[in-house]
Amino acid sequence: MGGWGFSHRAALGVSALVCTLGPVSGVGQEAPDHHGMDQATHQALTSLSAPLRSWQPTSGQPLEEMPVLKSEDGQLNATLNPAPRLLDLSGSPASSVVYDENFTGPTLMVKPGDTLRVRLANDSGQVTNIHYHGMHVSPRGRGDNVFRMMETGSTYDSVIKIPKDHETGLFWYHAHMHGNTDPQIFGGMRGLLVVGDIVRRHLPERFQGIEERLFSINDVYVKDGTVEDEAPSPADSTLLMNGQLQPTWTMQPGETQLLRFANTGSDRYYRLKLPGFRFTVIAEDGSPVWRVEREDALVLPPGKRFEVLVTATEAGTFPLRTTRYVQQEDSFGINPAATLGTVVVEGERVKELAPLKRLKGPMSEDLSRVKAVRTRTFVFGLRAKGKNYGRINGKFFTVGEASVRPRLRTVERWVLKNPRKKNKENNSQHPFHIHVNDFQVVEVNGKKFKATGQQDIVTIPIGGEVVIKQLFEDFKGKFVFHCHILGHEDGGMMQSVQVVN
């Protein structure tokens, strides 16, 4: 499963690198039988790692953020080149297939109304593609189209036109080639994406100019100098932030900072706690909240983002921890506690800002009282492991088949179920995610839920159900919804949506 025991390795032919615009796969196209790494690329990784000793990361380094590419004059042109590389992975060399010289790709910063153009020169030795997670953009053609097949040895362009009223917040981009999504993301094919300036647009004047920090959280397993596409168990993987082992950052007593967390791993949950601090949540999944709440802990399923304000009340050293978390009922699904990083509060005390009561500016629509035109039910489940072990309504994903055809500009009510099974190995939480449109949670396990805003990921509890409402707004076309434990997705726990007039 996921980074811990579900991988596809097979051979694909290698073609020469050419600068051509890649094809868009059409409705009815069959999924390829394999998406594994070709022999030449595997040999390149082996060659890079051959002279290396065991991976020995350095902990406690100052926090570093990924290189930033910012839009100018309404445009951002970025090039990603997934290929085998030798990385400095927290102070120790390791090889992997990544987008650039880092374990996480460059951070893309754009504004509402911009056009984002991404050229992907695929030297990964595998079929891949790219998804702009959480973005409310078109899924058609060269947009956020996860049905494209980007062959190795070729170059492909994406053109993402961001609406002028797009929400301001934290998103991310990553590989989304069905059957190979999990190992490609686990290996490092991902990056953060920021839309607009959430501080300027949604926070009062007193918060302008505060320090902002971006955190990309994921795990890694290195063997013989190479980043593997799976770990034997959750306890065997190493947890990183921004590709670093337990990095440190600083605050002054009394200072408020904006911490922006993204779980960019392939299958692991995190439950974040920062003793001595409380998290004031201002955005969830890139969507600014309607109602500000203060939390002692944040649960981040794979793909989840939270943007929070924290205030240092006193000097000292404070560890950012992920606590023990059970995401699957057998021992394999227990994530042990660990330290992710450390904040050092020192120096001259500054005046504390008054607590935030509410955000300003436009917000997403509250759908709780909007009448749904239709109710649909989806049952998520696992069976004995195999090529297609994930199911939604008893079916595994088939390319070309659209199981849901909602109408544009209508609201639907979806019931998401996760029934308990006798075999504990098949009892797992499932983080539901849908592309293009956010949704609002209205019920959890039969009880009304008072949402603080819209989101794009919600956990369906073991033996429970979640009810959501969503507006299919602005964009026609075909996209997917799935479990964001990516081993489950690759295993078939995904379905297609075709939005029609």
Protein backbone atom coordinates (compact mmCIF):
# COMPACT_ATOMS: atom_id res chain seq x y z
CA MET A 1 0.00 0.00 0.00
CA GLY A 2 1.19 3.49 -0.79
CA GLY A 3 4.78 4.15 0.14
CA TRP A 4 4.69 0.97 2.21
CA GLY A 5 4.27 -1.96 -0.10
CA PHE A 6 2.50 -1.16 -3.37
CA SER A 7 4.61 -0.44 -6.42
CA HIS A 8 4.62 -1.08 -10.14
CA ARG A 9 7.93 -1.83 -11.84
CA ALA A 10 8.07 -2.76 -15.47
CA ALA A 11 9.95 -1.78 -18.60
CA LEU A 12 8.99 0.93 -21.08
CA GLY A 13 10.89 1.78 -24.23
CA VAL A 14 13.08 4.89 -24.30
CA SER A 15 12.76 7.50 -27.02
CA ALA A 16 14.98 10.46 -27.79
CA LEU A 17 14.16 13.83 -26.21
CA VAL A 18 12.16 15.96 -28.61
CA CYS A 19 10.43 19.29 -28.07
CA THR A 20 6.93 18.48 -29.17
CA LEU A 21 3.54 19.07 -27.65
CA GLY A 22 2.27 15.82 -26.24
CA PRO A 23 -1.06 14.20 -27.08
CA VAL A 24 -4.17 14.32 -24.95
CA SER A 25 -5.63 10.91 -24.26
CA GLY A 26 -9.23 10.65 -25.29
CA VAL A 27 -12.36 9.16 -23.84
CA GLY A 28 -12.33 5.40 -24.16
CA GLN A 29 -8.56 5.08 -24.14
CA GLU A 30 -7.36 2.05 -22.20
CA ALA A 31 -4.89 2.49 -19.39
CA PRO A 32 -1.43 1.14 -20.24
CA ASP A 33 -0.51 -2.19 -18.71
CA HIS A 34 2.59 -0.74 -17.04
CA HIS A 35 4.11 2.61 -16.20
CA GLY A 36 7.38 1.41 -14.69
CA MET A 37 10.81 2.93 -15.06
CA ASP A 38 12.77 2.02 -18.18
CA GLN A 39 16.01 0.12 -17.92
CA ALA A 40 18.23 3.05 -18.95
CA THR A 41 16.82 5.30 -16.21
CA HIS A 42 17.09 2.56 -13.61
CA GLN A 43 20.74 2.11 -14.59
CA ALA A 44 21.27 5.88 -14.33
CA LEU A 45 19.92 5.87 -10.76
CA THR A 46 22.08 2.89 -9.89
CA SER A 47 25.14 4.62 -11.32
CA LEU A 48 24.44 7.78 -9.30
CA SER A 49 24.05 5.88 -6.05
CA ALA A 50 26.79 3.26 -6.59
CA PRO A 51 29.63 5.21 -4.89
CA LEU A 52 27.41 6.33 -1.99
CA ARG A 53 27.50 5.01 1.53
CA SER A 54 24.38 4.64 3.64
CA TRP A 55 22.21 7.74 3.80
CA GLN A 56 23.06 9.70 6.95
CA PRO A 57 20.92 12.86 7.09
CA THR A 58 21.87 15.79 9.29
CA SER A 59 19.19 16.97 11.69
CA GLY A 60 18.63 20.44 13.10
CA GLN A 61 19.72 22.48 10.07
CA PRO A 62 18.12 25.92 9.58
CA LEU A 63 14.85 25.62 7.67
CA GLU A 64 15.20 26.15 3.93
CA GLU A 65 12.37 26.76 1.51
CA MET A 66 12.21 25.63 -2.09
CA PRO A 67 13.29 27.98 -4.91
CA VAL A 68 10.40 30.29 -5.85
CA LEU A 69 9.16 31.09 -9.36
CA LYS A 70 6.86 34.16 -9.39
CA SER A 71 4.54 35.39 -12.11
CA GLU A 72 5.16 38.71 -13.79
CA ASP A 73 2.70 40.77 -15.83
CA GLY A 74 0.04 38.08 -15.51
CA GLN A 75 2.26 35.19 -16.68
CA LEU A 76 4.38 32.46 -15.15
CA ASN A 77 6.37 30.24 -17.49
CA ALA A 78 7.98 27.32 -15.66
CA THR A 79 9.89 24.26 -16.85
CA LEU A 80 9.98 20.99 -14.94
CA ASN A 81 12.40 18.27 -15.97
CA PRO A 82 11.74 15.00 -14.09
CA ALA A 83 14.96 13.00 -14.35
CA PRO A 84 17.37 10.92 -12.23
CA ARG A 85 19.46 13.22 -10.05
CA LEU A 86 21.86 13.08 -7.16
CA LEU A 87 20.39 15.15 -4.32
CA ASP A 88 21.70 16.73 -1.18
CA LEU A 89 18.99 15.22 0.98
CA SER A 90 19.32 16.88 4.40
CA GLY A 91 23.10 16.95 4.22
CA SER A 92 23.64 13.47 2.80
CA PRO A 93 23.59 12.42 -0.87
CA ALA A 94 20.83 10.23 -2.32
CA SER A 95 19.52 9.66 -5.83
CA SER A 96 15.94 9.91 -7.05
CA VAL A 97 13.78 10.98 -9.99
CA VAL A 98 12.73 14.56 -9.22
CA TYR A 99 11.63 17.76 -10.99
CA ASP A 100 14.85 19.71 -10.34
CA GLU A 101 17.80 19.63 -7.95
CA ASN A 102 15.62 19.31 -4.84
CA PHE A 103 13.49 16.59 -3.24
CA THR A 104 10.50 18.91 -3.71
CA GLY A 105 10.12 20.99 -6.88
CA PRO A 106 10.15 24.80 -7.07
CA THR A 107 7.32 26.74 -5.44
CA LEU A 108 5.12 28.37 -8.08
CA MET A 109 3.61 31.72 -7.04
CA VAL A 110 0.79 33.16 -9.14
CA LYS A 111 -2.10 35.60 -8.75
CA PRO A 112 -5.80 35.27 -9.52
CA GLY A 113 -6.26 36.08 -13.21
CA ASP A 114 -2.76 34.89 -14.18
CA THR A 115 -1.89 32.30 -16.81
CA LEU A 116 0.41 29.52 -15.62
CA ARG A 117 2.34 27.72 -18.35
CA VAL A 118 4.29 24.65 -17.33
CA ARG A 119 6.57 22.83 -19.76
CA LEU A 120 7.30 19.29 -18.62
CA ALA A 121 10.38 17.80 -20.28
CA ASN A 122 10.02 14.17 -19.27
CA ASP A 123 13.35 12.41 -18.79
CA SER A 124 12.02 10.29 -15.93
CA GLY A 125 12.07 6.99 -17.84
CA GLN A 126 8.36 6.61 -17.06
CA VAL A 127 4.99 7.73 -18.32
CA THR A 128 3.80 10.62 -16.17
CA ASN A 129 1.57 13.70 -16.17
CA ILE A 130 0.83 16.61 -13.83
CA HIS A 131 -2.07 17.69 -11.61
CA TYR A 132 -2.65 21.11 -10.03
CA HIS A 133 -4.15 19.94 -6.74
CA GLY A 134 -7.04 22.01 -5.36
CA MET A 135 -7.05 24.50 -8.24
CA HIS A 136 -10.42 25.63 -9.62
CA VAL A 137 -9.38 25.53 -13.28
CA SER A 138 -10.42 23.77 -16.46
CA PRO A 139 -9.72 20.03 -16.69
CA ARG A 140 -9.86 20.00 -20.48
CA GLY A 141 -7.18 19.91 -23.18
CA ARG A 142 -3.89 21.29 -21.86
CA GLY A 143 -5.47 22.35 -18.58
CA ASP A 144 -5.56 20.32 -15.37
CA ASN A 145 -6.06 17.16 -17.41
CA VAL A 146 -4.93 14.00 -15.61
CA PHE A 147 -5.93 11.83 -18.58
CA ARG A 148 -2.93 13.03 -20.56
CA MET A 149 -0.09 10.53 -20.97
CA MET A 150 3.29 12.25 -20.98
CA GLU A 151 5.71 9.73 -22.42
CA THR A 152 9.35 9.60 -21.42
CA GLY A 153 11.67 11.34 -23.84
CA SER A 154 9.11 13.97 -24.87
CA THR A 155 8.07 17.48 -23.85
CA TYR A 156 4.54 18.60 -22.99
CA ASP A 157 2.91 21.93 -22.15
CA SER A 158 0.17 22.72 -19.65
CA VAL A 159 -1.72 26.02 -19.85
CA ILE A 160 -3.61 26.85 -16.65
CA LYS A 161 -5.82 29.94 -16.84
CA ILE A 162 -6.57 30.99 -13.27
CA PRO A 163 -9.95 32.72 -12.78
CA LYS A 164 -9.86 36.31 -11.53
CA ASP A 165 -11.99 35.31 -8.53
CA HIS A 166 -9.87 32.28 -7.64
CA GLU A 167 -9.38 31.73 -3.92
CA THR A 168 -6.15 32.86 -2.31
CA GLY A 169 -4.17 30.19 -0.51
CA LEU A 170 -1.83 27.19 -0.61
CA PHE A 171 -2.11 24.48 -3.28
CA TRP A 172 0.36 22.02 -4.80
CA TYR A 173 1.22 20.21 -8.02
CA HIS A 174 2.27 16.60 -8.48
CA ALA A 175 2.43 13.61 -10.81
CA HIS A 176 -0.96 11.92 -11.38
CA MET A 177 -0.34 9.02 -13.76
CA HIS A 178 -2.80 6.29 -12.75
CA GLY A 179 -0.93 3.18 -11.68
CA ASN A 180 2.24 5.15 -10.95
CA THR A 181 1.04 8.16 -8.95
CA ASP A 182 2.13 6.76 -5.60
CA PRO A 183 5.78 5.88 -6.39
CA GLN A 184 6.36 9.05 -8.43
CA ILE A 185 5.16 11.33 -5.62
CA PHE A 186 6.93 9.26 -2.95
CA GLY A 187 10.10 9.67 -5.00
CA GLY A 188 9.81 13.48 -5.14
CA MET A 189 7.72 14.53 -8.16
CA ARG A 190 5.78 17.31 -6.41
CA GLY A 191 5.93 21.00 -5.50
CA LEU A 192 4.00 23.77 -3.75
CA LEU A 193 1.79 26.30 -5.53
CA VAL A 194 0.66 29.58 -3.93
CA VAL A 195 -2.17 31.70 -5.33
CA GLY A 196 -2.30 35.36 -4.35
CA ASP A 197 -1.43 37.04 -1.06
CA ILE A 198 -3.67 35.69 1.72
CA VAL A 199 -2.25 38.13 4.29
CA ARG A 200 -2.99 41.23 2.23
CA ARG A 201 -6.36 40.01 0.98
CA HIS A 202 -7.85 38.44 4.10
CA LEU A 203 -6.06 39.64 7.25
CA PRO A 204 -6.47 42.98 9.08
CA GLU A 205 -3.87 45.72 8.80
CA ARG A 206 -2.03 44.74 11.99
CA PHE A 207 -0.95 41.43 10.42
CA GLN A 208 0.62 42.97 7.31
CA GLY A 209 4.31 42.15 7.03
CA ILE A 210 4.34 39.11 9.32
CA GLU A 211 6.81 36.33 8.59
CA GLU A 212 5.41 33.51 6.41
CA ARG A 213 6.83 30.00 6.27
CA LEU A 214 6.04 27.19 3.83
CA PHE A 215 6.30 23.56 4.95
CA SER A 216 6.18 20.60 2.57
CA ILE A 217 5.85 17.50 4.79
CA ASN A 218 6.50 13.98 3.52
CA ASP A 219 8.40 10.80 4.26
CA VAL A 220 11.25 9.04 2.50
CA TYR A 221 12.94 5.65 2.48
CA VAL A 222 16.51 5.43 1.21
CA LYS A 223 18.23 2.13 0.46
CA ASP A 224 21.75 1.78 -0.94
CA GLY A 225 21.81 5.51 -1.69
CA THR A 226 18.58 5.50 -3.72
CA VAL A 227 15.18 6.87 -2.73
CA GLU A 228 12.89 3.85 -2.98
CA ASP A 229 9.27 4.11 -4.14
CA GLU A 230 8.04 2.38 -0.98
CA ALA A 231 9.02 1.73 2.62
CA PRO A 232 8.62 -1.62 4.38
CA SER A 233 6.45 0.01 7.08
CA PRO A 234 5.59 3.46 8.47
CA ALA A 235 8.21 3.02 11.18
CA ASP A 236 10.94 2.49 8.56
CA SER A 237 10.46 5.77 6.70
CA THR A 238 12.07 9.08 7.68
CA LEU A 239 9.90 12.18 8.05
CA LEU A 240 11.12 15.35 6.35
CA MET A 241 10.05 18.99 6.08
CA ASN A 242 11.21 20.75 2.91
CA GLY A 243 13.53 17.79 2.34
CA GLN A 244 15.22 18.31 5.73
CA LEU A 245 15.37 16.19 8.86
CA GLN A 246 13.98 18.12 11.84
CA PRO A 247 14.94 21.62 10.62
CA THR A 248 14.80 24.65 12.94
CA TRP A 249 13.38 28.12 12.56
CA THR A 250 13.24 31.13 14.85
CA MET A 251 10.70 33.49 16.35
CA GLN A 252 10.90 36.35 18.83
CA PRO A 253 8.87 36.33 22.04
CA GLY A 254 5.50 37.92 21.27
CA GLU A 255 5.89 37.45 17.50
CA THR A 256 3.12 36.07 15.25
CA GLN A 257 4.00 34.07 12.14
CA LEU A 258 1.96 32.44 9.38
CA LEU A 259 2.80 28.75 9.04
CA ARG A 260 1.56 27.07 5.85
CA PHE A 261 1.54 23.27 6.09
CA ALA A 262 1.07 20.87 3.16
CA ASN A 263 1.11 17.08 3.39
CA THR A 264 2.80 16.33 0.07
CA GLY A 265 3.42 12.67 0.82
CA SER A 266 1.75 9.77 -0.93
CA ASP A 267 -0.08 7.97 1.84
CA ARG A 268 0.76 8.93 5.42
CA TYR A 269 -1.40 10.91 7.87
CA TYR A 270 0.12 13.48 10.25
CA ARG A 271 -1.34 14.90 13.46
CA LEU A 272 0.60 18.08 14.17
CA LYS A 273 1.08 19.57 17.63
CA LEU A 274 3.31 22.44 18.73
CA PRO A 275 3.37 22.44 22.54
CA GLY A 276 3.18 25.96 23.93
CA PHE A 277 1.33 27.21 20.85
CA ARG A 278 -2.20 27.11 19.46
CA PHE A 279 -3.01 27.08 15.75
CA THR A 280 -5.34 29.84 14.55
CA VAL A 281 -6.64 28.38 11.29
CA ILE A 282 -7.16 30.93 8.53
CA ALA A 283 -7.38 28.58 5.52
CA GLU A 284 -8.02 24.90 4.80
CA ASP A 285 -7.11 23.36 1.45
CA GLY A 286 -6.44 26.79 -0.02
CA SER A 287 -9.87 28.10 0.99
CA PRO A 288 -9.99 30.98 3.54
CA VAL A 289 -12.29 30.10 6.44
CA TRP A 290 -15.65 31.68 7.19
CA ARG A 291 -15.12 31.31 10.93
CA VAL A 292 -11.76 31.49 12.69
CA GLU A 293 -11.09 28.64 15.13
CA ARG A 294 -8.13 27.86 17.36
CA GLU A 295 -6.86 24.29 17.48
CA ASP A 296 -4.36 22.40 19.59
CA ALA A 297 -3.75 19.83 16.83
CA LEU A 298 -4.11 19.58 13.05
CA VAL A 299 -4.81 16.29 11.25
CA LEU A 300 -3.32 16.26 7.74
CA PRO A 301 -4.30 13.36 5.47
CA PRO A 302 -2.26 13.01 2.27
CA GLY A 303 -2.79 16.14 0.13
CA LYS A 304 -4.19 18.27 2.98
CA ARG A 305 -3.17 21.87 3.64
CA PHE A 306 -3.68 24.18 6.62
CA GLU A 307 -2.59 27.81 6.94
CA VAL A 308 -2.35 28.95 10.54
CA LEU A 309 -1.23 31.85 12.68
CA VAL A 310 0.93 31.07 15.72
CA THR A 311 2.15 33.46 18.44
CA ALA A 312 5.24 32.86 20.58
CA THR A 313 4.25 33.77 24.12
CA GLU A 314 7.59 32.98 25.76
CA ALA A 315 11.23 32.18 25.00
CA GLY A 316 12.31 28.58 24.66
CA THR A 317 12.74 25.65 22.30
CA PHE A 318 9.54 23.99 21.08
CA PRO A 319 9.32 20.79 18.96
CA LEU A 320 6.77 20.51 16.15
CA ARG A 321 5.53 16.94 16.60
CA THR A 322 3.34 14.49 14.78
CA THR A 323 1.66 12.28 17.35
CA ARG A 324 0.89 8.57 17.09
CA TYR A 325 -1.92 8.13 14.57
CA VAL A 326 -3.95 5.06 13.60
CA GLN A 327 -5.07 5.35 9.99
CA GLN A 328 -5.56 1.62 9.44
CA GLU A 329 -6.70 -0.93 12.02
CA ASP A 330 -3.86 -3.43 11.72
CA SER A 331 -0.37 -2.76 13.08
CA PHE A 332 0.85 -1.81 9.60
CA GLY A 333 -1.37 1.31 9.63
CA ILE A 334 -0.07 2.82 12.88
CA ASN A 335 2.09 5.91 12.32
CA PRO A 336 4.52 6.40 15.22
CA ALA A 337 5.08 9.77 16.87
CA ALA A 338 8.04 11.81 15.68
CA THR A 339 9.56 15.28 15.75
CA LEU A 340 9.27 17.14 12.45
CA GLY A 341 11.09 20.34 13.34
CA THR A 342 11.87 22.82 16.09
CA VAL A 343 11.06 26.47 16.62
CA VAL A 344 13.54 28.43 18.73
CA VAL A 345 11.99 31.49 20.41
CA GLU A 346 14.69 33.95 21.41
CA GLY A 347 15.74 37.58 21.28
CA GLU A 348 14.01 40.83 22.16
CA ARG A 349 10.30 40.64 22.96
CA VAL A 350 7.97 42.32 20.48
CA LYS A 351 4.44 43.55 21.08
CA GLU A 352 1.86 40.82 20.63
CA LEU A 353 -0.83 41.35 18.02
CA ALA A 354 -4.44 41.30 19.12
CA PRO A 355 -6.01 37.88 18.37
CA LEU A 356 -7.68 37.43 15.01
CA LYS A 357 -11.49 37.36 15.22
CA ARG A 358 -12.50 37.13 11.57
CA LEU A 359 -11.13 37.35 8.05
CA LYS A 360 -11.99 40.06 5.57
CA GLY A 361 -12.65 39.86 1.85
CA PRO A 362 -14.71 37.55 -0.38
CA MET A 363 -15.27 33.97 0.74
CA SER A 364 -16.51 30.75 -0.80
CA GLU A 365 -20.27 30.14 -0.80
CA ASP A 366 -22.05 28.42 2.10
CA LEU A 367 -23.96 25.52 0.50
CA SER A 368 -25.59 24.17 3.67
CA ARG A 369 -29.02 25.60 2.79
CA VAL A 370 -28.74 25.32 -0.98
CA LYS A 371 -31.06 22.65 -2.36
CA ALA A 372 -29.29 19.73 -4.02
CA VAL A 373 -30.69 18.53 -7.35
CA ARG A 374 -29.51 14.99 -6.68
CA THR A 375 -28.09 12.69 -3.99
CA ARG A 376 -25.45 10.08 -4.89
CA THR A 377 -23.87 7.43 -2.68
CA PHE A 378 -20.31 6.15 -2.99
CA VAL A 379 -18.93 3.22 -0.99
CA PHE A 380 -15.15 3.08 -0.60
CA GLY A 381 -13.45 -0.21 0.21
CA LEU A 382 -10.39 -2.44 -0.06
CA ARG A 383 -10.09 -6.12 -0.80
CA ALA A 384 -7.16 -8.53 -0.76
CA LYS A 385 -4.13 -6.87 -2.34
CA GLY A 386 -3.54 -7.23 -6.05
CA LYS A 387 -3.42 -5.14 -9.19
CA ASN A 388 -6.93 -3.75 -8.61
CA TYR A 389 -7.64 -3.89 -4.89
CA GLY A 390 -9.35 -0.51 -4.43
CA ARG A 391 -13.07 -0.15 -5.05
CA ILE A 392 -15.72 2.56 -5.22
CA ASN A 393 -19.22 1.10 -5.37
CA GLY A 394 -17.61 -2.27 -6.03
CA LYS A 395 -15.79 -1.09 -9.18
CA PHE A 396 -12.20 -0.23 -9.86
CA PHE A 397 -11.16 2.70 -12.03
CA THR A 398 -11.37 2.34 -15.79
CA VAL A 399 -9.94 5.03 -18.09
CA GLY A 400 -12.61 6.38 -20.39
CA GLU A 401 -15.56 5.48 -18.19
CA ALA A 402 -17.42 8.41 -16.57
CA SER A 403 -19.51 6.99 -13.74
CA VAL A 404 -20.97 10.38 -12.73
CA ARG A 405 -22.44 13.02 -15.07
CA PRO A 406 -23.55 16.09 -13.07
CA ARG A 407 -24.90 19.20 -14.76
CA LEU A 408 -22.99 22.46 -14.81
CA ARG A 409 -24.03 25.05 -12.20
CA THR A 410 -25.97 22.54 -10.08
CA VAL A 411 -25.45 21.44 -6.48
CA GLU A 412 -25.31 17.74 -5.62
CA ARG A 413 -25.30 15.92 -2.29
CA TRP A 414 -22.87 13.03 -2.04
CA VAL A 415 -22.89 10.36 0.70
CA LEU A 416 -19.40 8.88 1.18
CA LYS A 417 -19.32 5.56 3.04
CA ASN A 418 -16.48 3.45 4.43
CA PRO A 419 -18.01 0.23 5.84
CA ARG A 420 -16.05 -1.82 8.34
CA LYS A 421 -14.84 -5.27 7.21
CA LYS A 422 -13.92 -8.41 9.15
CA ASN A 423 -10.38 -8.37 7.82
CA LYS A 424 -8.61 -5.55 9.70
CA GLU A 425 -6.11 -5.09 6.86
CA ASN A 426 -8.99 -3.82 4.73
CA ASN A 427 -10.17 -1.28 7.33
CA SER A 428 -8.51 2.03 6.55
CA GLN A 429 -9.48 5.65 6.68
CA HIS A 430 -9.97 7.07 3.19
CA PRO A 431 -9.18 10.74 2.46
CA PHE A 432 -11.71 11.66 -0.25
CA HIS A 433 -10.50 14.18 -2.85
CA ILE A 434 -12.16 15.59 -5.95
CA HIS A 435 -10.53 17.68 -8.66
CA VAL A 436 -11.62 21.12 -9.95
CA ASN A 437 -14.38 21.99 -7.42
CA ASP A 438 -14.24 22.28 -3.63
CA PHE A 439 -17.04 20.89 -1.46
CA GLN A 440 -18.65 21.54 1.90
CA VAL A 441 -19.02 18.92 4.63
CA VAL A 442 -22.60 18.94 6.00
CA GLU A 443 -22.80 15.68 8.01
CA VAL A 444 -20.39 13.26 9.70
CA ASN A 445 -21.66 9.89 10.93
CA GLY A 446 -25.26 11.04 10.82
CA LYS A 447 -24.74 14.30 12.72
CA LYS A 448 -24.90 17.78 11.24
CA PHE A 449 -21.48 19.33 10.76
CA LYS A 450 -20.85 23.06 11.09
CA ALA A 451 -18.22 23.68 8.46
CA THR A 452 -15.78 26.58 8.70
CA GLY A 453 -15.45 26.74 4.91
CA GLN A 454 -15.06 24.63 1.80
CA GLN A 455 -12.26 22.11 1.29
CA ASP A 456 -10.95 19.54 -1.21
CA ILE A 457 -10.01 16.64 1.13
CA VAL A 458 -12.04 15.03 3.90
CA THR A 459 -11.42 11.79 5.80
CA ILE A 460 -14.12 9.11 5.63
CA PRO A 461 -13.75 7.36 9.02
CA ILE A 462 -13.56 3.58 9.34
CA GLY A 463 -17.10 2.26 9.66
CA GLY A 464 -18.52 5.74 9.10
CA GLU A 465 -19.80 8.13 6.49
CA VAL A 466 -19.48 11.77 5.46
CA VAL A 467 -22.06 13.81 3.55
CA ILE A 468 -20.86 16.67 1.34
CA LYS A 469 -22.43 19.23 -0.96
CA GLN A 470 -20.67 20.62 -3.99
CA LEU A 471 -21.40 23.09 -6.74
CA PHE A 472 -20.18 22.07 -10.19
CA GLU A 473 -19.20 25.59 -11.09
CA ASP A 474 -17.68 27.22 -14.19
CA PHE A 475 -16.04 24.24 -15.91
CA LYS A 476 -17.35 21.43 -18.06
CA GLY A 477 -15.21 18.42 -18.79
CA LYS A 478 -13.91 15.21 -17.33
CA PHE A 479 -11.97 14.82 -14.11
CA VAL A 480 -11.69 12.40 -11.18
CA PHE A 481 -12.39 11.82 -7.52
CA HIS A 482 -10.46 9.28 -5.47
CA CYS A 483 -8.91 8.25 -2.18
CA HIS A 484 -5.77 10.32 -1.65
CA ILE A 485 -3.88 7.44 -0.08
CA LEU A 486 -2.22 7.05 -3.44
CA GLY A 487 -1.61 3.31 -3.18
CA HIS A 488 -5.40 3.00 -2.91
CA GLU A 489 -5.86 5.30 -5.91
CA ASP A 490 -3.36 3.37 -8.01
CA GLY A 491 -5.10 0.21 -6.85
CA GLY A 492 -8.36 1.35 -8.44
CA MET A 493 -10.07 3.54 -5.81
CA MET A 494 -10.89 6.33 -8.26
CA GLN A 495 -13.82 7.27 -10.51
CA SER A 496 -14.38 9.82 -13.28
CA VAL A 497 -16.81 12.74 -13.39
CA GLN A 498 -18.08 14.23 -16.66
CA VAL A 499 -19.66 17.66 -16.10
CA VAL A 500 -22.16 18.46 -18.87
CA ASN A 501 -24.49 21.34 -19.77
